[in-house]
Every structure is written in C-alpha cells, then in structure tokens.
Amino acid sequence: MFVPSLPGKLASAFHPIYLFLLNKWYFDELYDFLFVRPC
C-alpha cells in the first residue's frame, strides 16, 4: 500500500529464494523427476 515498489525490489534482490517459493519448494518438479518420468 505505502511502498508498492518494494516487493519487486525484494524479488529481484532475492531472486533464487523468490523462485523457490513461487515454485512451491520444487516438490512437483522433484516428484516429476523421481516418480512421474520413470513411470
């Protein structure tokens, strides 16, 4: 509300962490690699 530019700056500064959270800790990708593709 007050500093709307702040989220974008934080996402850029901590981009790997942001992607880690955005991709839900990569559980889907991990399961895809371990179970879905081999099956």
PDB file of all heavy atoms in Angstrom:
ATOM      1  N   MET A   1       0.823  -1.197   0.000  1.00  0.00           N
ATOM      2  CA  MET A   1       0.000   0.000   0.000  1.00  0.00           C
ATOM      3  C   MET A   1       0.865   1.257   0.000  1.00  0.00           C
ATOM      4  O   MET A   1       0.659   2.170  -0.812  1.00  0.00           O
ATOM      5  CB  MET A   1      -0.919   0.010   1.225  1.00  0.00           C
ATOM      6  CG  MET A   1      -1.892   1.182   1.256  1.00  0.00           C
ATOM      7  SD  MET A   1      -3.241   1.027   0.055  1.00  0.00           S
ATOM      8  CE  MET A   1      -4.346  -0.049   0.955  1.00  0.00           C
ATOM      9  N   PHE A   2       1.854   1.313   0.900  1.00  0.00           N
ATOM     10  CA  PHE A   2       2.628   2.550   1.075  1.00  0.00           C
ATOM     11  C   PHE A   2       3.883   2.595   0.200  1.00  0.00           C
ATOM     12  O   PHE A   2       4.252   3.655  -0.300  1.00  0.00           O
ATOM     13  CB  PHE A   2       3.007   2.717   2.549  1.00  0.00           C
ATOM     14  CG  PHE A   2       1.820   2.695   3.480  1.00  0.00           C
ATOM     15  CD1 PHE A   2       1.840   1.947   4.639  1.00  0.00           C
ATOM     16  CD2 PHE A   2       0.672   3.410   3.185  1.00  0.00           C
ATOM     17  CE1 PHE A   2       0.750   1.915   5.491  1.00  0.00           C
ATOM     18  CE2 PHE A   2      -0.429   3.392   4.028  1.00  0.00           C
ATOM     19  CZ  PHE A   2      -0.391   2.633   5.184  1.00  0.00           C
ATOM     20  N   VAL A   3       4.565   1.440   0.019  1.00  0.00           N
ATOM     21  CA  VAL A   3       5.773   1.394  -0.823  1.00  0.00           C
ATOM     22  C   VAL A   3       5.600   0.252  -1.822  1.00  0.00           C
ATOM     23  O   VAL A   3       6.250  -0.795  -1.724  1.00  0.00           O
ATOM     24  CB  VAL A   3       7.051   1.184   0.014  1.00  0.00           C
ATOM     25  CG1 VAL A   3       8.291   1.420  -0.854  1.00  0.00           C
ATOM     26  CG2 VAL A   3       7.080   2.088   1.233  1.00  0.00           C
ATOM     27  N   PRO A   4       4.737   0.397  -2.810  1.00  0.00           N
ATOM     28  CA  PRO A   4       4.417  -0.715  -3.714  1.00  0.00           C
ATOM     29  C   PRO A   4       5.572  -1.185  -4.584  1.00  0.00           C
ATOM     30  O   PRO A   4       5.498  -2.262  -5.177  1.00  0.00           O
ATOM     31  CB  PRO A   4       3.273  -0.155  -4.575  1.00  0.00           C
ATOM     32  CG  PRO A   4       3.391   1.322  -4.462  1.00  0.00           C
ATOM     33  CD  PRO A   4       3.939   1.605  -3.105  1.00  0.00           C
ATOM     34  N   SER A   5       6.633  -0.410  -4.644  1.00  0.00           N
ATOM     35  CA  SER A   5       7.800  -0.847  -5.425  1.00  0.00           C
ATOM     36  C   SER A   5       8.671  -1.840  -4.657  1.00  0.00           C
ATOM     37  O   SER A   5       9.524  -2.510  -5.245  1.00  0.00           O
ATOM     38  CB  SER A   5       8.646   0.368  -5.820  1.00  0.00           C
ATOM     39  OG  SER A   5       9.143   1.039  -4.652  1.00  0.00           O
ATOM     40  N   LEU A   6       8.459  -1.929  -3.357  1.00  0.00           N
ATOM     41  CA  LEU A   6       9.319  -2.766  -2.517  1.00  0.00           C
ATOM     42  C   LEU A   6       9.246  -4.251  -2.865  1.00  0.00           C
ATOM     43  O   LEU A   6      10.299  -4.914  -2.923  1.00  0.00           O
ATOM     44  CB  LEU A   6       8.968  -2.533  -1.040  1.00  0.00           C
ATOM     45  CG  LEU A   6       9.890  -3.175   0.002  1.00  0.00           C
ATOM     46  CD1 LEU A   6      11.329  -2.734  -0.199  1.00  0.00           C
ATOM     47  CD2 LEU A   6       9.418  -2.803   1.416  1.00  0.00           C
ATOM     48  N   PRO A   7       8.072  -4.862  -3.095  1.00  0.00           N
ATOM     49  CA  PRO A   7       8.031  -6.296  -3.420  1.00  0.00           C
ATOM     50  C   PRO A   7       8.861  -6.658  -4.644  1.00  0.00           C
ATOM     51  O   PRO A   7       9.569  -7.672  -4.645  1.00  0.00           O
ATOM     52  CB  PRO A   7       6.544  -6.553  -3.652  1.00  0.00           C
ATOM     53  CG  PRO A   7       5.841  -5.516  -2.853  1.00  0.00           C
ATOM     54  CD  PRO A   7       6.711  -4.306  -2.958  1.00  0.00           C
ATOM     55  N   GLY A   8       8.798  -5.828  -5.690  1.00  0.00           N
ATOM     56  CA  GLY A   8       9.580  -6.101  -6.893  1.00  0.00           C
ATOM     57  C   GLY A   8      11.073  -6.040  -6.631  1.00  0.00           C
ATOM     58  O   GLY A   8      11.839  -6.873  -7.142  1.00  0.00           O
ATOM     59  N   LYS A   9      11.506  -5.070  -5.816  1.00  0.00           N
ATOM     60  CA  LYS A   9      12.933  -4.956  -5.485  1.00  0.00           C
ATOM     61  C   LYS A   9      13.403  -6.162  -4.684  1.00  0.00           C
ATOM     62  O   LYS A   9      14.493  -6.697  -4.925  1.00  0.00           O
ATOM     63  CB  LYS A   9      13.180  -3.665  -4.707  1.00  0.00           C
ATOM     64  CG  LYS A   9      12.951  -2.393  -5.522  1.00  0.00           C
ATOM     65  CD  LYS A   9      13.177  -1.146  -4.681  1.00  0.00           C
ATOM     66  CE  LYS A   9      12.935   0.118  -5.502  1.00  0.00           C
ATOM     67  NZ  LYS A   9      13.097   1.348  -4.678  1.00  0.00           N
ATOM     68  N   LEU A  10      12.575  -6.591  -3.720  1.00  0.00           N
ATOM     69  CA  LEU A  10      12.951  -7.756  -2.912  1.00  0.00           C
ATOM     70  C   LEU A  10      12.993  -9.024  -3.766  1.00  0.00           C
ATOM     71  O   LEU A  10      13.876  -9.863  -3.595  1.00  0.00           O
ATOM     72  CB  LEU A  10      11.955  -7.930  -1.757  1.00  0.00           C
ATOM     73  CG  LEU A  10      12.021  -6.889  -0.641  1.00  0.00           C
ATOM     74  CD1 LEU A  10      10.891  -7.100   0.356  1.00  0.00           C
ATOM     75  CD2 LEU A  10      13.374  -6.967   0.077  1.00  0.00           C
ATOM     76  N   ALA A  11      12.035  -9.155  -4.688  1.00  0.00           N
ATOM     77  CA  ALA A  11      12.015 -10.333  -5.559  1.00  0.00           C
ATOM     78  C   ALA A  11      13.257 -10.376  -6.442  1.00  0.00           C
ATOM     79  O   ALA A  11      13.798 -11.453  -6.721  1.00  0.00           O
ATOM     80  CB  ALA A  11      10.759 -10.333  -6.418  1.00  0.00           C
ATOM     81  N   SER A  12      13.715  -9.199  -6.890  1.00  0.00           N
ATOM     82  CA  SER A  12      14.930  -9.151  -7.710  1.00  0.00           C
ATOM     83  C   SER A  12      16.179  -9.397  -6.878  1.00  0.00           C
ATOM     84  O   SER A  12      17.092 -10.118  -7.306  1.00  0.00           O
ATOM     85  CB  SER A  12      15.032  -7.790  -8.404  1.00  0.00           C
ATOM     86  OG  SER A  12      13.926  -7.578  -9.251  1.00  0.00           O
ATOM     87  N   ALA A  13      16.229  -8.825  -5.674  1.00  0.00           N
ATOM     88  CA  ALA A  13      17.401  -8.977  -4.817  1.00  0.00           C
ATOM     89  C   ALA A  13      17.555 -10.416  -4.316  1.00  0.00           C
ATOM     90  O   ALA A  13      18.675 -10.905  -4.158  1.00  0.00           O
ATOM     91  CB  ALA A  13      17.314  -8.013  -3.639  1.00  0.00           C
ATOM     92  N   PHE A  14      16.437 -11.075  -4.064  1.00  0.00           N
ATOM     93  CA  PHE A  14      16.472 -12.464  -3.557  1.00  0.00           C
ATOM     94  C   PHE A  14      15.776 -13.383  -4.566  1.00  0.00           C
ATOM     95  O   PHE A  14      14.882 -14.155  -4.214  1.00  0.00           O
ATOM     96  CB  PHE A  14      15.779 -12.538  -2.192  1.00  0.00           C
ATOM     97  CG  PHE A  14      16.403 -11.660  -1.150  1.00  0.00           C
ATOM     98  CD1 PHE A  14      15.873 -10.404  -0.867  1.00  0.00           C
ATOM     99  CD2 PHE A  14      17.533 -12.066  -0.450  1.00  0.00           C
ATOM    100  CE1 PHE A  14      16.434  -9.584   0.090  1.00  0.00           C
ATOM    101  CE2 PHE A  14      18.112 -11.251   0.511  1.00  0.00           C
ATOM    102  CZ  PHE A  14      17.557 -10.008   0.782  1.00  0.00           C
ATOM    103  N   HIS A  15      16.211 -13.257  -5.820  1.00  0.00           N
ATOM    104  CA  HIS A  15      15.520 -13.965  -6.896  1.00  0.00           C
ATOM    105  C   HIS A  15      15.490 -15.489  -6.702  1.00  0.00           C
ATOM    106  O   HIS A  15      14.437 -16.112  -6.928  1.00  0.00           O
ATOM    107  CB  HIS A  15      16.160 -13.613  -8.231  1.00  0.00           C
ATOM    108  CG  HIS A  15      15.327 -14.021  -9.414  1.00  0.00           C
ATOM    109  ND1 HIS A  15      14.052 -13.548  -9.634  1.00  0.00           N
ATOM    110  CD2 HIS A  15      15.585 -14.894 -10.434  1.00  0.00           C
ATOM    111  CE1 HIS A  15      13.563 -14.088 -10.734  1.00  0.00           C
ATOM    112  NE2 HIS A  15      14.468 -14.912 -11.235  1.00  0.00           N
ATOM    113  N   PRO A  16      16.598 -16.138  -6.307  1.00  0.00           N
ATOM    114  CA  PRO A  16      16.541 -17.595  -6.111  1.00  0.00           C
ATOM    115  C   PRO A  16      15.527 -18.008  -5.041  1.00  0.00           C
ATOM    116  O   PRO A  16      14.804 -18.994  -5.223  1.00  0.00           O
ATOM    117  CB  PRO A  16      17.969 -17.953  -5.686  1.00  0.00           C
ATOM    118  CG  PRO A  16      18.814 -16.858  -6.243  1.00  0.00           C
ATOM    119  CD  PRO A  16      17.974 -15.633  -6.142  1.00  0.00           C
ATOM    120  N   ILE A  17      15.475 -17.241  -3.947  1.00  0.00           N
ATOM    121  CA  ILE A  17      14.507 -17.565  -2.889  1.00  0.00           C
ATOM    122  C   ILE A  17      13.088 -17.339  -3.392  1.00  0.00           C
ATOM    123  O   ILE A  17      12.177 -18.148  -3.136  1.00  0.00           O
ATOM    124  CB  ILE A  17      14.770 -16.708  -1.633  1.00  0.00           C
ATOM    125  CG1 ILE A  17      16.156 -17.036  -1.065  1.00  0.00           C
ATOM    126  CG2 ILE A  17      13.688 -16.932  -0.581  1.00  0.00           C
ATOM    127  CD1 ILE A  17      16.556 -16.174   0.109  1.00  0.00           C
ATOM    128  N   TYR A  18      12.896 -16.247  -4.141  1.00  0.00           N
ATOM    129  CA  TYR A  18      11.570 -15.960  -4.687  1.00  0.00           C
ATOM    130  C   TYR A  18      11.103 -17.083  -5.609  1.00  0.00           C
ATOM    131  O   TYR A  18       9.964 -17.547  -5.522  1.00  0.00           O
ATOM    132  CB  TYR A  18      11.608 -14.629  -5.445  1.00  0.00           C
ATOM    133  CG  TYR A  18      10.340 -14.311  -6.189  1.00  0.00           C
ATOM    134  CD1 TYR A  18       9.194 -13.904  -5.511  1.00  0.00           C
ATOM    135  CD2 TYR A  18      10.281 -14.434  -7.585  1.00  0.00           C
ATOM    136  CE1 TYR A  18       8.017 -13.624  -6.194  1.00  0.00           C
ATOM    137  CE2 TYR A  18       9.115 -14.152  -8.276  1.00  0.00           C
ATOM    138  CZ  TYR A  18       7.983 -13.749  -7.570  1.00  0.00           C
ATOM    139  OH  TYR A  18       6.826 -13.479  -8.247  1.00  0.00           O
ATOM    140  N   LEU A  19      11.996 -17.549  -6.486  1.00  0.00           N
ATOM    141  CA  LEU A  19      11.635 -18.649  -7.389  1.00  0.00           C
ATOM    142  C   LEU A  19      11.372 -19.936  -6.611  1.00  0.00           C
ATOM    143  O   LEU A  19      10.480 -20.711  -6.958  1.00  0.00           O
ATOM    144  CB  LEU A  19      12.744 -18.880  -8.412  1.00  0.00           C
ATOM    145  CG  LEU A  19      12.876 -17.844  -9.523  1.00  0.00           C
ATOM    146  CD1 LEU A  19      14.034 -18.208 -10.452  1.00  0.00           C
ATOM    147  CD2 LEU A  19      11.581 -17.735 -10.325  1.00  0.00           C
ATOM    148  N   PHE A  20      12.167 -20.152  -5.564  1.00  0.00           N
ATOM    149  CA  PHE A  20      11.990 -21.345  -4.726  1.00  0.00           C
ATOM    150  C   PHE A  20      10.589 -21.364  -4.122  1.00  0.00           C
ATOM    151  O   PHE A  20       9.911 -22.404  -4.118  1.00  0.00           O
ATOM    152  CB  PHE A  20      13.051 -21.337  -3.631  1.00  0.00           C
ATOM    153  CG  PHE A  20      12.992 -22.524  -2.706  1.00  0.00           C
ATOM    154  CD1 PHE A  20      13.335 -23.788  -3.143  1.00  0.00           C
ATOM    155  CD2 PHE A  20      12.591 -22.366  -1.383  1.00  0.00           C
ATOM    156  CE1 PHE A  20      13.281 -24.878  -2.286  1.00  0.00           C
ATOM    157  CE2 PHE A  20      12.525 -23.448  -0.523  1.00  0.00           C
ATOM    158  CZ  PHE A  20      12.881 -24.706  -0.969  1.00  0.00           C
ATOM    159  N   LEU A  21      10.133 -20.224  -3.630  1.00  0.00           N
ATOM    160  CA  LEU A  21       8.801 -20.140  -3.034  1.00  0.00           C
ATOM    161  C   LEU A  21       7.715 -20.152  -4.104  1.00  0.00           C
ATOM    162  O   LEU A  21       6.671 -20.793  -3.939  1.00  0.00           O
ATOM    163  CB  LEU A  21       8.685 -18.873  -2.188  1.00  0.00           C
ATOM    164  CG  LEU A  21       9.640 -18.764  -0.995  1.00  0.00           C
ATOM    165  CD1 LEU A  21       9.412 -17.455  -0.246  1.00  0.00           C
ATOM    166  CD2 LEU A  21       9.486 -19.939  -0.053  1.00  0.00           C
ATOM    167  N   LEU A  22       7.954 -19.440  -5.208  1.00  0.00           N
ATOM    168  CA  LEU A  22       6.960 -19.382  -6.277  1.00  0.00           C
ATOM    169  C   LEU A  22       6.690 -20.767  -6.855  1.00  0.00           C
ATOM    170  O   LEU A  22       5.553 -21.092  -7.225  1.00  0.00           O
ATOM    171  CB  LEU A  22       7.433 -18.434  -7.379  1.00  0.00           C
ATOM    172  CG  LEU A  22       6.442 -18.145  -8.509  1.00  0.00           C
ATOM    173  CD1 LEU A  22       5.225 -17.404  -7.983  1.00  0.00           C
ATOM    174  CD2 LEU A  22       7.126 -17.349  -9.621  1.00  0.00           C
ATOM    175  N   ASN A  23       7.739 -21.584  -6.898  1.00  0.00           N
ATOM    176  CA  ASN A  23       7.608 -22.948  -7.423  1.00  0.00           C
ATOM    177  C   ASN A  23       7.323 -23.972  -6.330  1.00  0.00           C
ATOM    178  O   ASN A  23       7.529 -25.169  -6.537  1.00  0.00           O
ATOM    179  CB  ASN A  23       8.863 -23.335  -8.195  1.00  0.00           C
ATOM    180  CG  ASN A  23       8.981 -22.607  -9.516  1.00  0.00           C
ATOM    181  OD1 ASN A  23       8.300 -22.921 -10.476  1.00  0.00           O
ATOM    182  ND2 ASN A  23       9.845 -21.600  -9.553  1.00  0.00           N
ATOM    183  N   LYS A  24       6.860 -23.474  -5.180  1.00  0.00           N
ATOM    184  CA  LYS A  24       6.361 -24.339  -4.092  1.00  0.00           C
ATOM    185  C   LYS A  24       7.423 -25.329  -3.602  1.00  0.00           C
ATOM    186  O   LYS A  24       7.155 -26.509  -3.424  1.00  0.00           O
ATOM    187  CB  LYS A  24       5.104 -25.080  -4.555  1.00  0.00           C
ATOM    188  CG  LYS A  24       3.953 -24.167  -4.960  1.00  0.00           C
ATOM    189  CD  LYS A  24       2.913 -24.869  -5.789  1.00  0.00           C
ATOM    190  CE  LYS A  24       3.424 -25.093  -7.191  1.00  0.00           C
ATOM    191  NZ  LYS A  24       2.403 -25.618  -8.117  1.00  0.00           N
ATOM    192  N   TRP A  25       8.623 -24.809  -3.406  1.00  0.00           N
ATOM    193  CA  TRP A  25       9.752 -25.603  -2.939  1.00  0.00           C
ATOM    194  C   TRP A  25      10.127 -26.711  -3.920  1.00  0.00           C
ATOM    195  O   TRP A  25      10.802 -27.674  -3.571  1.00  0.00           O
ATOM    196  CB  TRP A  25       9.484 -26.195  -1.554  1.00  0.00           C
ATOM    197  CG  TRP A  25       9.428 -25.210  -0.424  1.00  0.00           C
ATOM    198  CD1 TRP A  25       9.140 -23.879  -0.493  1.00  0.00           C
ATOM    199  CD2 TRP A  25       9.645 -25.474   0.957  1.00  0.00           C
ATOM    200  NE1 TRP A  25       9.156 -23.308   0.742  1.00  0.00           N
ATOM    201  CE2 TRP A  25       9.466 -24.254   1.667  1.00  0.00           C
ATOM    202  CE3 TRP A  25       9.949 -26.623   1.690  1.00  0.00           C
ATOM    203  CZ2 TRP A  25       9.599 -24.163   3.055  1.00  0.00           C
ATOM    204  CZ3 TRP A  25      10.091 -26.545   3.066  1.00  0.00           C
ATOM    205  CH2 TRP A  25       9.919 -25.329   3.739  1.00  0.00           C
ATOM    206  N   TYR A  26       9.691 -26.620  -5.137  1.00  0.00           N
ATOM    207  CA  TYR A  26      10.012 -27.558  -6.223  1.00  0.00           C
ATOM    208  C   TYR A  26       9.589 -28.996  -5.925  1.00  0.00           C
ATOM    209  O   TYR A  26      10.187 -29.947  -6.441  1.00  0.00           O
ATOM    210  CB  TYR A  26      11.511 -27.512  -6.537  1.00  0.00           C
ATOM    211  CG  TYR A  26      11.926 -26.213  -7.193  1.00  0.00           C
ATOM    212  CD1 TYR A  26      12.598 -25.237  -6.458  1.00  0.00           C
ATOM    213  CD2 TYR A  26      11.641 -25.950  -8.531  1.00  0.00           C
ATOM    214  CE1 TYR A  26      12.976 -24.032  -7.047  1.00  0.00           C
ATOM    215  CE2 TYR A  26      12.012 -24.754  -9.123  1.00  0.00           C
ATOM    216  CZ  TYR A  26      12.678 -23.802  -8.373  1.00  0.00           C
ATOM    217  OH  TYR A  26      13.046 -22.615  -8.971  1.00  0.00           O
ATOM    218  N   PHE A  27       8.561 -29.165  -5.121  1.00  0.00           N
ATOM    219  CA  PHE A  27       8.088 -30.526  -4.853  1.00  0.00           C
ATOM    220  C   PHE A  27       7.554 -31.182  -6.123  1.00  0.00           C
ATOM    221  O   PHE A  27       7.812 -32.370  -6.367  1.00  0.00           O
ATOM    222  CB  PHE A  27       6.999 -30.507  -3.771  1.00  0.00           C
ATOM    223  CG  PHE A  27       7.526 -30.630  -2.381  1.00  0.00           C
ATOM    224  CD1 PHE A  27       7.646 -29.517  -1.557  1.00  0.00           C
ATOM    225  CD2 PHE A  27       7.911 -31.857  -1.875  1.00  0.00           C
ATOM    226  CE1 PHE A  27       8.140 -29.625  -0.263  1.00  0.00           C
ATOM    227  CE2 PHE A  27       8.403 -31.984  -0.590  1.00  0.00           C
ATOM    228  CZ  PHE A  27       8.514 -30.867   0.219  1.00  0.00           C
ATOM    229  N   ASP A  28       6.798 -30.445  -6.916  1.00  0.00           N
ATOM    230  CA  ASP A  28       6.235 -31.016  -8.139  1.00  0.00           C
ATOM    231  C   ASP A  28       7.339 -31.435  -9.096  1.00  0.00           C
ATOM    232  O   ASP A  28       7.281 -32.516  -9.700  1.00  0.00           O
ATOM    233  CB  ASP A  28       5.302 -30.010  -8.821  1.00  0.00           C
ATOM    234  CG  ASP A  28       3.958 -29.913  -8.133  1.00  0.00           C
ATOM    235  OD1 ASP A  28       3.369 -30.965  -7.831  1.00  0.00           O
ATOM    236  OD2 ASP A  28       3.493 -28.787  -7.887  1.00  0.00           O
ATOM    237  N   GLU A  29       8.351 -30.584  -9.239  1.00  0.00           N
ATOM    238  CA  GLU A  29       9.459 -30.910 -10.133  1.00  0.00           C
ATOM    239  C   GLU A  29      10.241 -32.115  -9.615  1.00  0.00           C
ATOM    240  O   GLU A  29      10.660 -32.980 -10.407  1.00  0.00           O
ATOM    241  CB  GLU A  29      10.392 -29.702 -10.271  1.00  0.00           C
ATOM    242  CG  GLU A  29       9.818 -28.545 -11.079  1.00  0.00           C
ATOM    243  CD  GLU A  29       8.809 -27.709 -10.291  1.00  0.00           C
ATOM    244  OE1 GLU A  29       8.625 -27.965  -9.087  1.00  0.00           O
ATOM    245  OE2 GLU A  29       8.207 -26.795 -10.884  1.00  0.00           O
ATOM    246  N   LEU A  30      10.424 -32.177  -8.290  1.00  0.00           N
ATOM    247  CA  LEU A  30      11.131 -33.313  -7.700  1.00  0.00           C
ATOM    248  C   LEU A  30      10.367 -34.613  -7.924  1.00  0.00           C
ATOM    249  O   LEU A  30      10.950 -35.630  -8.328  1.00  0.00           O
ATOM    250  CB  LEU A  30      11.329 -33.069  -6.200  1.00  0.00           C
ATOM    251  CG  LEU A  30      12.027 -34.193  -5.405  1.00  0.00           C
ATOM    252  CD1 LEU A  30      13.447 -34.395  -5.916  1.00  0.00           C
ATOM    253  CD2 LEU A  30      12.032 -33.877  -3.924  1.00  0.00           C
ATOM    254  N   TYR A  31       9.070 -34.588  -7.684  1.00  0.00           N
ATOM    255  CA  TYR A  31       8.252 -35.790  -7.882  1.00  0.00           C
ATOM    256  C   TYR A  31       8.180 -36.167  -9.356  1.00  0.00           C
ATOM    257  O   TYR A  31       8.137 -37.358  -9.698  1.00  0.00           O
ATOM    258  CB  TYR A  31       6.838 -35.571  -7.333  1.00  0.00           C
ATOM    259  CG  TYR A  31       6.770 -35.527  -5.827  1.00  0.00           C
ATOM    260  CD1 TYR A  31       5.594 -35.179  -5.166  1.00  0.00           C
ATOM    261  CD2 TYR A  31       7.884 -35.817  -5.044  1.00  0.00           C
ATOM    262  CE1 TYR A  31       5.519 -35.137  -3.785  1.00  0.00           C
ATOM    263  CE2 TYR A  31       7.824 -35.771  -3.669  1.00  0.00           C
ATOM    264  CZ  TYR A  31       6.644 -35.424  -3.039  1.00  0.00           C
ATOM    265  OH  TYR A  31       6.583 -35.387  -1.672  1.00  0.00           O
ATOM    266  N   ASP A  32       8.170 -35.156 -10.215  1.00  0.00           N
ATOM    267  CA  ASP A  32       8.165 -35.426 -11.648  1.00  0.00           C
ATOM    268  C   ASP A  32       9.437 -36.167 -12.049  1.00  0.00           C
ATOM    269  O   ASP A  32       9.399 -37.115 -12.851  1.00  0.00           O
ATOM    270  CB  ASP A  32       8.043 -34.113 -12.410  1.00  0.00           C
ATOM    271  CG  ASP A  32       7.828 -34.325 -13.896  1.00  0.00           C
ATOM    272  OD1 ASP A  32       6.831 -34.971 -14.248  1.00  0.00           O
ATOM    273  OD2 ASP A  32       8.661 -33.854 -14.688  1.00  0.00           O
ATOM    274  N   PHE A  33      10.577 -35.751 -11.465  1.00  0.00           N
ATOM    275  CA  PHE A  33      11.865 -36.380 -11.779  1.00  0.00           C
ATOM    276  C   PHE A  33      11.977 -37.778 -11.173  1.00  0.00           C
ATOM    277  O   PHE A  33      12.456 -38.719 -11.824  1.00  0.00           O
ATOM    278  CB  PHE A  33      13.007 -35.485 -11.276  1.00  0.00           C
ATOM    279  CG  PHE A  33      14.372 -36.099 -11.418  1.00  0.00           C
ATOM    280  CD1 PHE A  33      14.982 -36.168 -12.666  1.00  0.00           C
ATOM    281  CD2 PHE A  33      15.046 -36.630 -10.320  1.00  0.00           C
ATOM    282  CE1 PHE A  33      16.240 -36.743 -12.814  1.00  0.00           C
ATOM    283  CE2 PHE A  33      16.295 -37.204 -10.450  1.00  0.00           C
ATOM    284  CZ  PHE A  33      16.895 -37.259 -11.704  1.00  0.00           C
ATOM    285  N   LEU A  34      11.527 -37.926  -9.921  1.00  0.00           N
ATOM    286  CA  LEU A  34      11.716 -39.194  -9.215  1.00  0.00           C
ATOM    287  C   LEU A  34      10.678 -40.249  -9.566  1.00  0.00           C
ATOM    288  O   LEU A  34      11.001 -41.451  -9.613  1.00  0.00           O
ATOM    289  CB  LEU A  34      11.680 -38.950  -7.693  1.00  0.00           C
ATOM    290  CG  LEU A  34      12.827 -38.151  -7.088  1.00  0.00           C
ATOM    291  CD1 LEU A  34      12.605 -37.957  -5.589  1.00  0.00           C
ATOM    292  CD2 LEU A  34      14.164 -38.854  -7.327  1.00  0.00           C
ATOM    293  N   PHE A  35       9.437 -39.827  -9.812  1.00  0.00           N
ATOM    294  CA  PHE A  35       8.363 -40.800  -9.959  1.00  0.00           C
ATOM    295  C   PHE A  35       7.651 -40.736 -11.316  1.00  0.00           C
ATOM    296  O   PHE A  35       7.468 -41.769 -11.968  1.00  0.00           O
ATOM    297  CB  PHE A  35       7.322 -40.593  -8.844  1.00  0.00           C
ATOM    298  CG  PHE A  35       7.893 -40.682  -7.460  1.00  0.00           C
ATOM    299  CD1 PHE A  35       7.916 -39.571  -6.632  1.00  0.00           C
ATOM    300  CD2 PHE A  35       8.427 -41.870  -6.980  1.00  0.00           C
ATOM    301  CE1 PHE A  35       8.446 -39.638  -5.358  1.00  0.00           C
ATOM    302  CE2 PHE A  35       8.958 -41.951  -5.707  1.00  0.00           C
ATOM    303  CZ  PHE A  35       8.967 -40.838  -4.892  1.00  0.00           C
ATOM    304  N   VAL A  36       7.261 -39.518 -11.724  1.00  0.00           N
ATOM    305  CA  VAL A  36       6.409 -39.414 -12.910  1.00  0.00           C
ATOM    306  C   VAL A  36       7.152 -39.844 -14.167  1.00  0.00           C
ATOM    307  O   VAL A  36       6.689 -40.722 -14.922  1.00  0.00           O
ATOM    308  CB  VAL A  36       5.862 -37.980 -13.062  1.00  0.00           C
ATOM    309  CG1 VAL A  36       5.031 -37.870 -14.338  1.00  0.00           C
ATOM    310  CG2 VAL A  36       5.028 -37.608 -11.850  1.00  0.00           C
ATOM    311  N   ARG A  37       8.329 -39.263 -14.419  1.00  0.00           N
ATOM    312  CA  ARG A  37       9.061 -39.596 -15.646  1.00  0.00           C
ATOM    313  C   ARG A  37       9.516 -41.055 -15.672  1.00  0.00           C
ATOM    314  O   ARG A  37       9.362 -41.720 -16.711  1.00  0.00           O
ATOM    315  CB  ARG A  37      10.252 -38.653 -15.802  1.00  0.00           C
ATOM    316  CG  ARG A  37       9.839 -37.219 -16.111  1.00  0.00           C
ATOM    317  CD  ARG A  37      11.046 -36.325 -16.281  1.00  0.00           C
ATOM    318  NE  ARG A  37      10.658 -34.924 -16.403  1.00  0.00           N
ATOM    319  CZ  ARG A  37      11.539 -33.917 -16.467  1.00  0.00           C
ATOM    320  NH1 ARG A  37      12.846 -34.183 -16.408  1.00  0.00           N
ATOM    321  NH2 ARG A  37      11.114 -32.674 -16.570  1.00  0.00           N
ATOM    322  N   PRO A  38      10.097 -41.596 -14.586  1.00  0.00           N
ATOM    323  CA  PRO A  38      10.432 -43.032 -14.617  1.00  0.00           C
ATOM    324  C   PRO A  38       9.217 -43.923 -14.871  1.00  0.00           C
ATOM    325  O   PRO A  38       9.316 -44.901 -15.617  1.00  0.00           O
ATOM    326  CB  PRO A  38      11.026 -43.283 -13.219  1.00  0.00           C
ATOM    327  CG  PRO A  38      11.563 -41.968 -12.795  1.00  0.00           C
ATOM    328  CD  PRO A  38      10.609 -40.961 -13.354  1.00  0.00           C
ATOM    329  N   CYS A  39       8.075 -43.583 -14.266  1.00  0.00           N
ATOM    330  CA  CYS A  39       6.863 -44.379 -14.506  1.00  0.00           C
ATOM    331  C   CYS A  39       6.407 -44.262 -15.945  1.00  0.00           C
ATOM    332  O   CYS A  39       5.966 -45.250 -16.553  1.00  0.00           O
ATOM    333  CB  CYS A  39       5.748 -43.931 -13.556  1.00  0.00           C
ATOM    334  SG  CYS A  39       5.977 -44.461 -11.857  1.00  0.00           S
TER     335      CYS A  39
END
